[in-house]
């Protein structure tokens, strides 16, 4: 469930781009139906109490709120520590299949990271379309870079800064490092598509299985 203060949305306390993102998120999410994408069940307006601090006191007031009803999931990937390469491979494949589906619809997710991958009955699902948009094949390459960084985040979070800023990866990554370099290449045109990665997923999975978790 996601909730937003409707007064802020409609009357300007949220900047215009943020307001557009909220409505666009609901519109895009409503078009999606895939086992590796968190299911959207609709949105509605309902009055609710919102709390805030005024003059050192906690104040509550009733406001109309915009709610998004989503599929219930167990937790986010960011809340878990996974020390099993097989499970990591399962998550990588699930997210990749979700990305292929989104890209086939012309949709760029825009914010692939552990916090936006939810786990439901052991299955990974892409969530949060607040930065999603319709885009070209080239636009979709930003998701490929973030997908590569997600793999790093699962395998060795301490390596994420170097991977994000300089596309450098631990020597323990061995064969995987070459594939991650392609996914995070500075020139988006040289990055593989999600469909290409899925076609060659055996190579990716083999490379992940070949490393040692810290």
Protein backbone atom coordinates (compact mmCIF):
# COMPACT_ATOMS: atom_id res chain seq x y z
CA UNK A 1 0.00 0.00 0.00
CA UNK A 2 1.30 3.48 -0.88
CA UNK A 3 -0.35 6.65 0.42
CA UNK A 4 0.09 10.31 -0.62
CA UNK A 5 -1.43 13.50 0.78
CA UNK A 6 -3.89 14.59 -1.93
CA UNK A 7 -3.74 18.25 -0.85
CA UNK A 8 -0.01 18.24 -1.45
CA UNK A 9 -0.55 16.58 -4.83
CA UNK A 10 -3.31 18.87 -6.07
CA UNK A 11 -2.53 22.22 -4.47
CA UNK A 12 1.13 22.69 -5.05
CA UNK A 13 3.05 21.66 -1.96
CA UNK A 14 4.57 18.93 -4.07
CA UNK A 15 6.52 20.28 -7.02
CA UNK A 16 4.91 19.81 -10.44
CA UNK A 17 7.25 17.03 -11.55
CA UNK A 18 6.53 15.01 -8.40
CA UNK A 19 2.79 15.35 -8.95
CA UNK A 20 3.19 14.13 -12.50
CA UNK A 21 5.27 11.16 -11.30
CA UNK A 22 2.54 10.06 -8.88
CA UNK A 23 -0.21 10.00 -11.47
CA UNK A 24 2.10 8.53 -14.12
CA UNK A 25 3.13 5.77 -11.72
CA UNK A 26 -0.48 4.68 -11.24
CA UNK A 27 -1.21 4.86 -14.96
CA UNK A 28 1.85 2.83 -16.00
CA UNK A 29 1.51 0.28 -13.20
CA UNK A 30 -2.13 -0.36 -14.14
CA UNK A 31 -1.00 -1.59 -17.58
CA UNK A 32 1.32 -4.28 -16.22
CA UNK A 33 0.66 -7.96 -15.58
CA UNK A 34 3.66 -10.24 -15.07
CA UNK A 35 4.69 -12.70 -12.36
CA UNK A 36 7.93 -10.79 -11.75
CA UNK A 37 6.23 -7.41 -11.35
CA UNK A 38 4.32 -6.51 -8.17
CA UNK A 39 0.65 -6.47 -9.11
CA UNK A 40 -1.28 -3.20 -9.02
CA UNK A 41 -4.88 -3.50 -7.78
CA UNK A 42 -6.08 0.09 -8.17
CA UNK A 43 -6.11 3.49 -6.49
CA UNK A 44 -8.65 5.56 -4.57
CA UNK A 45 -9.05 8.66 -2.40
CA UNK A 46 -9.84 8.30 1.30
CA UNK A 47 -9.70 10.64 4.29
CA UNK A 48 -6.99 9.74 6.79
CA UNK A 49 -5.10 11.26 9.71
CA UNK A 50 -1.72 12.78 8.91
CA UNK A 51 0.70 13.68 11.68
CA UNK A 52 3.20 16.49 11.84
CA UNK A 53 5.22 18.64 14.24
CA UNK A 54 4.06 22.16 15.03
CA UNK A 55 5.69 24.28 17.74
CA UNK A 56 7.23 21.22 19.35
CA UNK A 57 3.93 19.38 19.51
CA UNK A 58 2.66 16.48 17.41
CA UNK A 59 -0.42 17.61 15.47
CA UNK A 60 -2.80 15.41 13.52
CA UNK A 61 -5.34 16.45 10.93
CA UNK A 62 -7.67 14.70 8.54
CA UNK A 63 -6.73 14.99 4.88
CA UNK A 64 -7.83 13.30 1.67
CA UNK A 65 -5.16 10.79 0.66
CA UNK A 66 -4.43 9.02 -2.60
CA UNK A 67 -3.89 5.30 -2.00
CA UNK A 68 -2.32 2.76 -4.35
CA UNK A 69 -3.30 -0.82 -3.54
CA UNK A 70 -0.57 -3.31 -4.41
CA UNK A 71 0.06 -7.02 -4.14
CA UNK A 72 1.13 -7.97 -0.61
CA UNK A 73 4.76 -9.13 -0.42
CA UNK A 74 6.92 -10.45 2.41
CA UNK A 75 9.84 -7.99 2.35
CA UNK A 76 12.21 -6.06 0.15
CA UNK A 77 15.50 -7.44 -1.12
CA UNK A 78 17.26 -4.60 0.71
CA UNK A 79 16.02 -6.00 4.02
CA UNK A 80 17.65 -9.37 3.40
CA UNK A 81 21.17 -10.74 3.46
CA UNK A 82 21.45 -13.64 1.03
CA UNK A 83 24.48 -15.92 1.36
CA UNK A 84 23.35 -18.49 -1.16
CA UNK A 85 24.53 -18.08 -4.75
CA UNK A 86 21.70 -20.25 -6.05
CA UNK A 87 19.13 -17.93 -4.47
CA UNK A 88 20.94 -14.90 -5.86
CA UNK A 89 20.83 -16.47 -9.31
CA UNK A 90 17.09 -17.08 -8.94
CA UNK A 91 16.56 -13.42 -8.07
CA UNK A 92 18.77 -12.26 -10.96
CA UNK A 93 16.76 -14.34 -13.43
CA UNK A 94 13.42 -13.17 -12.01
CA UNK A 95 14.38 -9.48 -12.20
CA UNK A 96 15.78 -9.97 -15.69
CA UNK A 97 12.54 -11.58 -16.88
CA UNK A 98 10.61 -8.69 -15.35
CA UNK A 99 12.83 -6.20 -17.16
CA UNK A 100 12.40 -7.99 -20.49
CA UNK A 101 8.63 -7.74 -19.99
CA UNK A 102 8.77 -4.02 -19.14
CA UNK A 103 11.04 -3.24 -22.07
CA UNK A 104 8.78 -5.19 -24.44
CA UNK A 105 6.06 -2.73 -23.39
CA UNK A 106 8.33 0.24 -24.08
CA UNK A 107 8.64 1.03 -20.36
CA UNK A 108 11.80 2.18 -18.58
CA UNK A 109 11.70 1.43 -14.84
CA UNK A 110 14.38 3.98 -13.98
CA UNK A 111 15.15 2.87 -10.43
CA UNK A 112 16.21 -0.79 -10.31
CA UNK A 113 17.84 -1.43 -6.92
CA UNK A 114 17.46 -3.78 -3.97
CA UNK A 115 14.90 -1.57 -2.19
CA UNK A 116 12.61 -1.81 -5.23
CA UNK A 117 12.74 -5.59 -5.52
CA UNK A 118 10.16 -7.27 -3.29
CA UNK A 119 10.09 -10.91 -2.28
CA UNK A 120 6.79 -12.83 -2.26
CA UNK A 121 6.75 -16.54 -1.44
CA UNK A 122 10.45 -16.65 -2.30
CA UNK A 123 9.96 -15.03 -5.73
CA UNK A 124 11.45 -11.68 -6.70
CA UNK A 125 9.19 -8.99 -8.14
CA UNK A 126 9.93 -5.50 -9.45
CA UNK A 127 8.16 -2.75 -7.52
CA UNK A 128 7.86 1.07 -7.37
CA UNK A 129 7.22 2.75 -10.70
CA UNK A 130 7.60 6.31 -9.42
CA UNK A 131 10.42 6.97 -11.91
CA UNK A 132 9.05 4.83 -14.71
CA UNK A 133 8.39 6.26 -18.16
CA UNK A 134 7.84 5.24 -21.74
CA UNK A 135 11.13 5.32 -23.62
CA UNK A 136 13.20 4.11 -26.53
CA UNK A 137 15.49 1.08 -26.66
CA UNK A 138 18.36 3.43 -25.81
CA UNK A 139 16.49 4.87 -22.83
CA UNK A 140 16.01 1.33 -21.52
CA UNK A 141 19.78 0.91 -21.27
CA UNK A 142 19.72 2.88 -17.99
CA UNK A 143 17.87 -0.11 -16.51
CA UNK A 144 20.67 -2.39 -17.73
CA UNK A 145 23.30 -0.41 -15.84
CA UNK A 146 21.20 -0.45 -12.67
CA UNK A 147 20.54 -4.16 -13.11
CA UNK A 148 24.31 -4.74 -13.21
CA UNK A 149 24.72 -2.65 -10.05
CA UNK A 150 21.94 -4.65 -8.39
CA UNK A 151 23.96 -7.82 -8.97
CA UNK A 152 26.96 -6.16 -7.31
CA UNK A 153 24.75 -5.00 -4.43
CA UNK A 154 23.65 -8.58 -3.76
CA UNK A 155 27.09 -10.13 -4.05
CA UNK A 156 29.24 -7.53 -2.30
CA UNK A 157 27.59 -4.28 -1.11
CA UNK A 158 30.99 -2.82 -0.20
CA UNK A 159 31.96 -2.92 -3.89
CA UNK A 160 28.96 -0.84 -4.97
CA UNK A 161 30.59 2.66 -4.80
CA UNK A 162 33.48 1.66 -7.07
CA UNK A 163 31.12 -0.17 -9.40
CA UNK A 164 28.76 2.81 -9.61
CA UNK A 165 31.39 5.51 -10.09
CA UNK A 166 34.18 3.77 -12.01
CA UNK A 167 32.77 0.44 -13.22
CA UNK A 168 35.43 -1.37 -11.18
CA UNK A 169 34.70 -4.75 -9.66
CA UNK A 170 36.44 -7.02 -7.12
CA UNK A 171 38.97 -9.46 -8.53
CA UNK A 172 36.90 -12.24 -6.91
CA UNK A 173 34.20 -11.57 -9.51
CA UNK A 174 36.44 -13.14 -12.18
CA UNK A 175 34.40 -13.83 -15.34
CA UNK A 176 31.43 -11.92 -13.98
CA UNK A 177 33.41 -8.67 -13.99
CA UNK A 178 33.59 -8.66 -17.80
CA UNK A 179 29.82 -8.97 -18.10
CA UNK A 180 29.24 -6.29 -15.48
CA UNK A 181 31.59 -3.96 -17.36
CA UNK A 182 29.40 -4.38 -20.44
CA UNK A 183 26.21 -3.69 -18.47
CA UNK A 184 27.63 -0.57 -16.80
CA UNK A 185 29.58 0.78 -19.78
CA UNK A 186 29.65 4.63 -19.91
CA UNK A 187 28.24 4.56 -23.44
CA UNK A 188 24.65 3.22 -23.18
CA UNK A 189 24.71 2.14 -26.83
CA UNK A 190 27.29 -0.54 -26.06
CA UNK A 191 25.32 -2.08 -23.20
CA UNK A 192 23.39 -5.27 -23.98
CA UNK A 193 19.59 -5.22 -24.04
CA UNK A 194 17.58 -7.09 -21.43
CA UNK A 195 16.47 -9.54 -24.14
CA UNK A 196 20.10 -10.23 -25.07
CA UNK A 197 21.00 -10.84 -21.43
CA UNK A 198 18.10 -13.25 -21.07
CA UNK A 199 19.13 -15.18 -24.20
CA UNK A 200 22.61 -15.60 -22.72
CA UNK A 201 21.50 -16.04 -19.10
CA UNK A 202 23.40 -19.33 -18.75
CA UNK A 203 26.66 -17.46 -19.19
CA UNK A 204 25.64 -14.90 -16.57
CA UNK A 205 24.48 -17.53 -14.07
CA UNK A 206 27.65 -19.58 -14.57
CA UNK A 207 29.76 -16.48 -13.87
CA UNK A 208 27.83 -15.70 -10.68
CA UNK A 209 28.13 -19.31 -9.46
CA UNK A 210 31.87 -19.11 -10.03
CA UNK A 211 32.59 -16.46 -7.42
CA UNK A 212 33.02 -16.71 -3.65
CA UNK A 213 30.78 -14.65 -1.40
CA UNK A 214 32.53 -12.55 1.20
